[in-house]
Amino acid sequence: MTTSRSLLALVTGATAGIGTVTARALAQQGYHVVLLARNADKAARTRHEIQQLAWPGRRVDVLLCDLSDLAQVRRAAEEFSQRYGHLDVLVNNAGLVLGDKRQESNGGHELTLATNHLGPFLLTSLLLEKLRQSPAARIVNVASMAYMFAKPDFETLEVAGKYSPMRAYANSKLYNIMFTQELARRLRQQGIRNVTTNSLHPGVVASSFGSGSTWLTRAFYKAAAPFMTSAEEGAQTSIYLATAPEVADISGGYFVKKRPEAVKSGFNTLENARRLWQCSEELTGTTFLAEAPGA
């Protein structure tokens, strides 16, 4: 287990796009960075590239895990806990949008929900104690303005029946935002002041994201290409929320281009956020930050 008090950051989905840019920027700012990734070869290449830019004496490590596989998330969290004494920044960046056919994770959950929401929810819960060991920890959840197209229903959280990959993606991004807000509320309720959390829209980033989805989704990305932002630009709000002093005490916000924005969704209510939390606990088999009776 590491004992030195260097700042430590864990970035998921760190082998491509804004995840790589975020991890690289943190390394360049002196963080000991842990890359959580599915693909060992990509992770090794990314680690090597970023290590060249890290501060002298600062490491870039790899933690292999498929976030859609909750058993792997538990194993990765246990490995992290054994190797490191604290965590200062957790960037839940990994995400996907699927093709026409509904797919399921190893645990039997709809794959978009598992990767984009359940995996990050479980990982955050399992690493909360490590975050609490930091004097000032931050949890950054990468959402998307696609949440505006969400039409969630607690009866079909797994997006069964008539399947739409973009609807599944939009729903998962709204869940990211609601999870962030509810997490912030519960942290405050329990008097935990040294851990904050915020979510963000990175912009429509020009990358391979969505390339395996439906023709309609691919057509959208192609038509939008001239207006897309680069991964470097898309990562700036993640980096800002992870490091900027001016947002150190802000928690529960949703940011676009480094500025807070209101969340425009009628589904985003306190009652629904509580219910989403409860459903997420049931689906992941974890409980954390339980509300006091009558709260």
Protein backbone atom coordinates (compact mmCIF):
# COMPACT_ATOMS: atom_id res chain seq x y z
CA MET A 1 0.00 0.00 0.00
CA THR A 2 1.27 3.47 -0.85
CA THR A 3 1.97 5.64 2.16
CA SER A 4 3.30 8.87 0.63
CA ARG A 5 0.83 11.73 0.56
CA SER A 6 0.97 12.53 -3.15
CA LEU A 7 -2.39 13.44 -4.63
CA LEU A 8 -3.98 10.34 -6.15
CA ALA A 9 -6.58 10.24 -8.94
CA LEU A 10 -8.50 7.33 -10.46
CA VAL A 11 -9.88 7.87 -13.97
CA THR A 12 -12.23 5.35 -15.62
CA GLY A 13 -12.41 4.97 -19.38
CA ALA A 14 -8.88 6.37 -19.46
CA THR A 15 -7.58 4.73 -22.67
CA ALA A 16 -9.41 6.94 -25.18
CA GLY A 17 -10.83 10.39 -25.81
CA ILE A 18 -11.52 12.72 -22.92
CA GLY A 19 -10.55 10.03 -20.41
CA THR A 20 -6.98 9.96 -21.72
CA VAL A 21 -6.79 13.76 -21.87
CA THR A 22 -8.10 14.02 -18.30
CA ALA A 23 -5.66 11.44 -16.97
CA ARG A 24 -2.78 13.12 -18.80
CA ALA A 25 -3.65 16.56 -17.42
CA LEU A 26 -3.83 15.21 -13.87
CA ALA A 27 -0.42 13.55 -14.27
CA GLN A 28 0.99 16.82 -15.59
CA GLN A 29 -0.37 18.58 -12.50
CA GLY A 30 1.51 16.18 -10.22
CA TYR A 31 -1.13 13.56 -9.47
CA HIS A 32 -0.32 9.89 -9.06
CA VAL A 33 -2.81 8.59 -11.63
CA VAL A 34 -4.51 5.21 -11.75
CA LEU A 35 -6.06 4.28 -15.10
CA LEU A 36 -9.09 2.00 -14.83
CA ALA A 37 -9.56 0.26 -18.17
CA ARG A 38 -10.93 -2.91 -19.80
CA ASN A 39 -8.23 -3.53 -22.38
CA ALA A 40 -4.79 -4.43 -21.02
CA ASP A 41 -2.90 -3.55 -24.22
CA LYS A 42 -4.54 -0.13 -24.59
CA ALA A 43 -4.01 0.52 -20.88
CA ALA A 44 -0.31 -0.35 -21.14
CA ARG A 45 0.17 1.99 -24.11
CA THR A 46 -1.72 4.82 -22.42
CA ARG A 47 0.19 4.32 -19.19
CA HIS A 48 3.51 4.50 -21.04
CA GLU A 49 2.50 7.68 -22.90
CA ILE A 50 1.29 9.47 -19.77
CA GLN A 51 4.19 8.29 -17.61
CA GLN A 52 6.55 10.24 -19.89
CA LEU A 53 4.72 13.43 -18.93
CA ALA A 54 4.30 12.76 -15.20
CA TRP A 55 6.23 14.57 -12.53
CA PRO A 56 9.48 12.92 -11.40
CA GLY A 57 8.65 10.29 -8.80
CA ARG A 58 4.96 10.23 -9.70
CA ARG A 59 3.59 6.95 -11.02
CA VAL A 60 0.92 6.08 -13.54
CA ASP A 61 -0.68 2.75 -12.67
CA VAL A 62 -3.27 0.50 -14.31
CA LEU A 63 -6.29 -1.20 -12.77
CA LEU A 64 -8.04 -3.59 -15.15
CA CYS A 65 -11.83 -3.72 -14.90
CA ASP A 66 -14.91 -3.89 -17.10
CA LEU A 67 -17.32 -1.52 -15.35
CA SER A 68 -20.34 -3.37 -16.74
CA ASP A 69 -19.30 -6.47 -14.78
CA LEU A 70 -20.16 -5.75 -11.15
CA ALA A 71 -18.03 -8.66 -9.92
CA GLN A 72 -15.05 -7.08 -11.65
CA VAL A 73 -15.89 -3.72 -10.09
CA ARG A 74 -15.83 -5.31 -6.64
CA ARG A 75 -12.52 -7.00 -7.36
CA ALA A 76 -10.98 -3.78 -8.72
CA ALA A 77 -12.17 -1.78 -5.71
CA GLU A 78 -10.68 -4.37 -3.37
CA GLU A 79 -7.39 -4.28 -5.26
CA PHE A 80 -7.36 -0.49 -5.13
CA SER A 81 -8.06 -0.52 -1.40
CA GLN A 82 -5.18 -2.90 -0.79
CA ARG A 83 -2.73 -0.91 -2.90
CA TYR A 84 -3.57 2.66 -1.89
CA GLY A 85 -4.29 4.41 1.37
CA HIS A 86 -6.43 7.23 0.04
CA LEU A 87 -8.12 8.68 -3.05
CA ASP A 88 -8.29 12.40 -3.82
CA VAL A 89 -10.07 12.45 -7.19
CA LEU A 90 -12.42 9.90 -8.76
CA VAL A 91 -13.39 10.65 -12.36
CA ASN A 92 -16.25 8.41 -13.50
CA ASN A 93 -15.67 8.98 -17.20
CA ALA A 94 -16.28 5.62 -18.91
CA GLY A 95 -19.44 5.35 -20.99
CA LEU A 96 -20.91 3.76 -24.11
CA VAL A 97 -23.80 3.87 -26.53
CA LEU A 98 -24.79 0.58 -28.16
CA GLY A 99 -26.15 -0.59 -31.49
CA ASP A 100 -29.63 -1.75 -32.45
CA LYS A 101 -29.74 -4.87 -30.36
CA ARG A 102 -30.28 -4.84 -26.62
CA GLN A 103 -27.27 -6.41 -24.91
CA GLU A 104 -26.76 -7.59 -21.36
CA SER A 105 -23.79 -7.51 -19.03
CA ASN A 106 -22.32 -10.60 -17.40
CA GLY A 107 -24.64 -9.95 -14.49
CA GLY A 108 -27.73 -9.84 -16.71
CA HIS A 109 -28.25 -6.06 -16.67
CA GLU A 110 -28.90 -3.97 -19.78
CA LEU A 111 -25.38 -3.11 -20.91
CA THR A 112 -25.73 0.68 -21.22
CA LEU A 113 -27.23 0.93 -17.74
CA ALA A 114 -24.57 -1.38 -16.31
CA THR A 115 -21.62 0.48 -17.86
CA ASN A 116 -22.80 4.07 -17.58
CA HIS A 117 -24.59 4.01 -14.23
CA LEU A 118 -24.49 0.81 -12.17
CA GLY A 119 -20.73 0.29 -12.48
CA PRO A 120 -19.85 3.88 -11.48
CA PHE A 121 -22.44 3.79 -8.68
CA LEU A 122 -20.92 0.63 -7.22
CA LEU A 123 -17.34 1.81 -7.71
CA THR A 124 -18.10 5.09 -5.93
CA SER A 125 -19.75 3.30 -3.03
CA LEU A 126 -16.82 0.91 -2.60
CA LEU A 127 -14.20 3.67 -2.76
CA LEU A 128 -16.01 6.18 -0.55
CA GLU A 129 -13.94 5.30 2.51
CA LYS A 130 -10.73 5.91 0.53
CA LEU A 131 -12.13 9.26 -0.59
CA ARG A 132 -12.91 10.12 3.03
CA GLN A 133 -9.22 9.60 3.85
CA SER A 134 -8.43 12.66 1.70
CA PRO A 135 -8.53 16.15 3.23
CA ALA A 136 -10.49 17.31 0.17
CA ALA A 137 -11.73 14.65 -2.25
CA ARG A 138 -13.70 15.18 -5.44
CA ILE A 139 -15.96 12.85 -7.42
CA VAL A 140 -16.48 13.95 -11.04
CA ASN A 141 -19.24 12.23 -13.02
CA VAL A 142 -19.19 12.69 -16.80
CA ALA A 143 -22.81 12.99 -17.92
CA SER A 144 -24.18 14.54 -21.12
CA MET A 145 -26.76 17.01 -22.32
CA ALA A 146 -28.31 13.93 -23.96
CA TYR A 147 -30.13 13.63 -20.61
CA MET A 148 -32.69 16.03 -22.15
CA PHE A 149 -33.90 13.17 -24.37
CA ALA A 150 -34.34 10.77 -21.46
CA LYS A 151 -37.70 9.13 -20.81
CA PRO A 152 -36.99 6.95 -17.81
CA ASP A 153 -39.47 4.72 -16.07
CA PHE A 154 -38.67 2.84 -12.89
CA GLU A 155 -40.71 -0.08 -14.18
CA THR A 156 -38.36 -0.40 -17.17
CA LEU A 157 -35.06 0.77 -15.71
CA GLU A 158 -33.35 -2.01 -17.67
CA VAL A 159 -34.80 -0.65 -20.95
CA ALA A 160 -36.57 -3.85 -21.93
CA GLY A 161 -39.34 -4.21 -24.52
CA LYS A 162 -38.94 -1.86 -27.50
CA TYR A 163 -35.25 -1.04 -27.28
CA SER A 164 -33.69 2.27 -28.31
CA PRO A 165 -29.92 2.62 -27.84
CA MET A 166 -30.10 6.41 -27.72
CA ARG A 167 -32.93 6.31 -25.18
CA ALA A 168 -30.92 3.91 -23.04
CA TYR A 169 -27.93 6.26 -23.30
CA ALA A 170 -29.98 9.39 -22.53
CA ASN A 171 -31.56 7.70 -19.53
CA SER A 172 -28.18 6.65 -18.18
CA LYS A 173 -26.85 10.21 -18.48
CA LEU A 174 -29.84 11.55 -16.53
CA TYR A 175 -29.12 8.91 -13.89
CA ASN A 176 -25.52 10.17 -13.71
CA ILE A 177 -26.78 13.66 -12.91
CA MET A 178 -29.40 12.50 -10.42
CA PHE A 179 -26.85 10.23 -8.72
CA THR A 180 -24.50 13.20 -8.39
CA GLN A 181 -27.16 15.41 -6.85
CA GLU A 182 -28.40 12.73 -4.45
CA LEU A 183 -24.83 11.80 -3.49
CA ALA A 184 -24.09 15.43 -2.68
CA ARG A 185 -27.27 15.66 -0.60
CA ARG A 186 -26.47 12.52 1.39
CA LEU A 187 -22.87 13.57 1.99
CA ARG A 188 -24.11 16.88 3.40
CA GLN A 189 -26.82 15.15 5.43
CA GLN A 190 -24.21 12.95 7.11
CA GLY A 191 -21.86 15.85 7.77
CA ILE A 192 -19.19 14.64 5.34
CA ARG A 193 -17.62 17.92 4.24
CA ASN A 194 -14.35 16.71 2.77
CA VAL A 195 -15.93 14.91 -0.23
CA THR A 196 -17.69 16.81 -3.02
CA THR A 197 -19.24 15.64 -6.28
CA ASN A 198 -20.27 17.33 -9.52
CA SER A 199 -21.38 16.22 -12.98
CA LEU A 200 -20.81 17.73 -16.40
CA HIS A 201 -21.54 17.76 -20.11
CA PRO A 202 -18.25 17.53 -22.03
CA GLY A 203 -19.62 18.67 -25.38
CA VAL A 204 -20.17 16.49 -28.43
CA VAL A 205 -16.66 15.13 -28.77
CA ALA A 206 -15.25 14.03 -32.13
CA SER A 207 -14.16 10.45 -31.42
CA SER A 208 -15.10 6.86 -32.24
CA PHE A 209 -17.87 7.10 -29.63
CA GLY A 210 -21.14 5.84 -31.09
CA SER A 211 -19.49 4.24 -34.11
CA GLY A 212 -20.99 0.87 -33.25
CA SER A 213 -24.49 2.20 -32.81
CA THR A 214 -27.47 2.43 -35.18
CA TRP A 215 -27.32 4.03 -38.60
CA LEU A 216 -29.37 6.93 -37.23
CA THR A 217 -26.89 7.54 -34.43
CA ARG A 218 -23.94 7.26 -36.82
CA ALA A 219 -25.67 9.66 -39.22
CA PHE A 220 -26.16 12.14 -36.38
CA TYR A 221 -22.48 12.02 -35.44
CA LYS A 222 -21.46 12.41 -39.09
CA ALA A 223 -23.75 15.41 -39.62
CA ALA A 224 -22.60 16.97 -36.35
CA ALA A 225 -18.89 16.41 -37.07
CA PRO A 226 -18.17 20.01 -38.17
CA PHE A 227 -19.60 21.30 -34.89
CA MET A 228 -17.93 18.78 -32.61
CA THR A 229 -15.24 19.64 -30.12
CA SER A 230 -11.89 17.92 -29.75
CA ALA A 231 -11.15 15.50 -26.92
CA GLU A 232 -8.77 18.12 -25.51
CA GLU A 233 -11.55 20.70 -25.36
CA GLY A 234 -14.11 18.15 -24.19
CA ALA A 235 -11.98 17.19 -21.20
CA GLN A 236 -11.55 20.72 -19.89
CA THR A 237 -14.64 20.73 -17.66
CA SER A 238 -13.69 17.37 -16.15
CA ILE A 239 -10.20 18.69 -15.40
CA TYR A 240 -11.68 21.91 -14.03
CA LEU A 241 -14.04 20.11 -11.65
CA ALA A 242 -11.23 17.77 -10.54
CA THR A 243 -8.69 20.47 -9.76
CA ALA A 244 -9.88 24.09 -9.79
CA PRO A 245 -9.75 25.82 -6.37
CA GLU A 246 -12.90 27.86 -7.08
CA VAL A 247 -15.11 24.75 -7.17
CA ALA A 248 -13.54 23.04 -4.15
CA ASP A 249 -16.62 23.64 -1.99
CA ILE A 250 -19.30 23.20 -4.66
CA SER A 251 -21.19 19.90 -4.63
CA GLY A 252 -24.15 18.58 -6.56
CA GLY A 253 -23.71 20.85 -9.56
CA TYR A 254 -24.09 20.16 -13.28
CA PHE A 255 -21.53 22.03 -15.40
CA VAL A 256 -21.24 22.90 -19.08
CA LYS A 257 -18.09 24.66 -20.33
CA LYS A 258 -16.96 25.14 -16.73
CA ARG A 259 -20.17 26.93 -15.80
CA PRO A 260 -23.05 25.60 -13.68
CA GLU A 261 -26.32 24.99 -15.50
CA ALA A 262 -29.81 24.10 -14.35
CA VAL A 263 -30.94 20.54 -15.07
CA LYS A 264 -34.06 20.73 -17.22
CA SER A 265 -35.89 17.48 -16.60
CA GLY A 266 -39.25 16.97 -15.01
CA PHE A 267 -38.10 13.53 -13.87
CA ASN A 268 -35.32 15.06 -11.80
CA THR A 269 -37.13 15.32 -8.47
CA LEU A 270 -35.97 14.54 -4.94
CA GLU A 271 -38.44 11.66 -4.73
CA ASN A 272 -37.18 10.13 -7.98
CA ALA A 273 -33.53 10.64 -7.00
CA ARG A 274 -34.16 8.75 -3.77
CA ARG A 275 -35.93 5.98 -5.66
CA LEU A 276 -33.15 5.77 -8.24
CA TRP A 277 -30.65 5.43 -5.39
CA GLN A 278 -32.69 2.63 -3.85
CA CYS A 279 -33.02 0.81 -7.20
CA SER A 280 -29.30 1.22 -7.83
CA GLU A 281 -28.48 -0.25 -4.43
CA GLU A 282 -30.73 -3.23 -5.12
CA LEU A 283 -29.29 -3.85 -8.59
CA THR A 284 -25.66 -3.56 -7.43
CA GLY A 285 -26.06 -5.28 -4.06
CA THR A 286 -24.53 -2.40 -2.14
CA THR A 287 -25.75 0.12 0.42
CA PHE A 288 -24.04 3.33 1.40
CA LEU A 289 -24.85 6.70 2.93
CA ALA A 290 -28.16 5.43 4.25
CA GLU A 291 -30.61 8.16 5.16
CA ALA A 292 -31.52 8.68 8.78
CA PRO A 293 -35.09 7.59 9.63
CA GLY A 294 -37.55 10.37 8.92
CA ALA A 295 -35.06 12.31 6.79
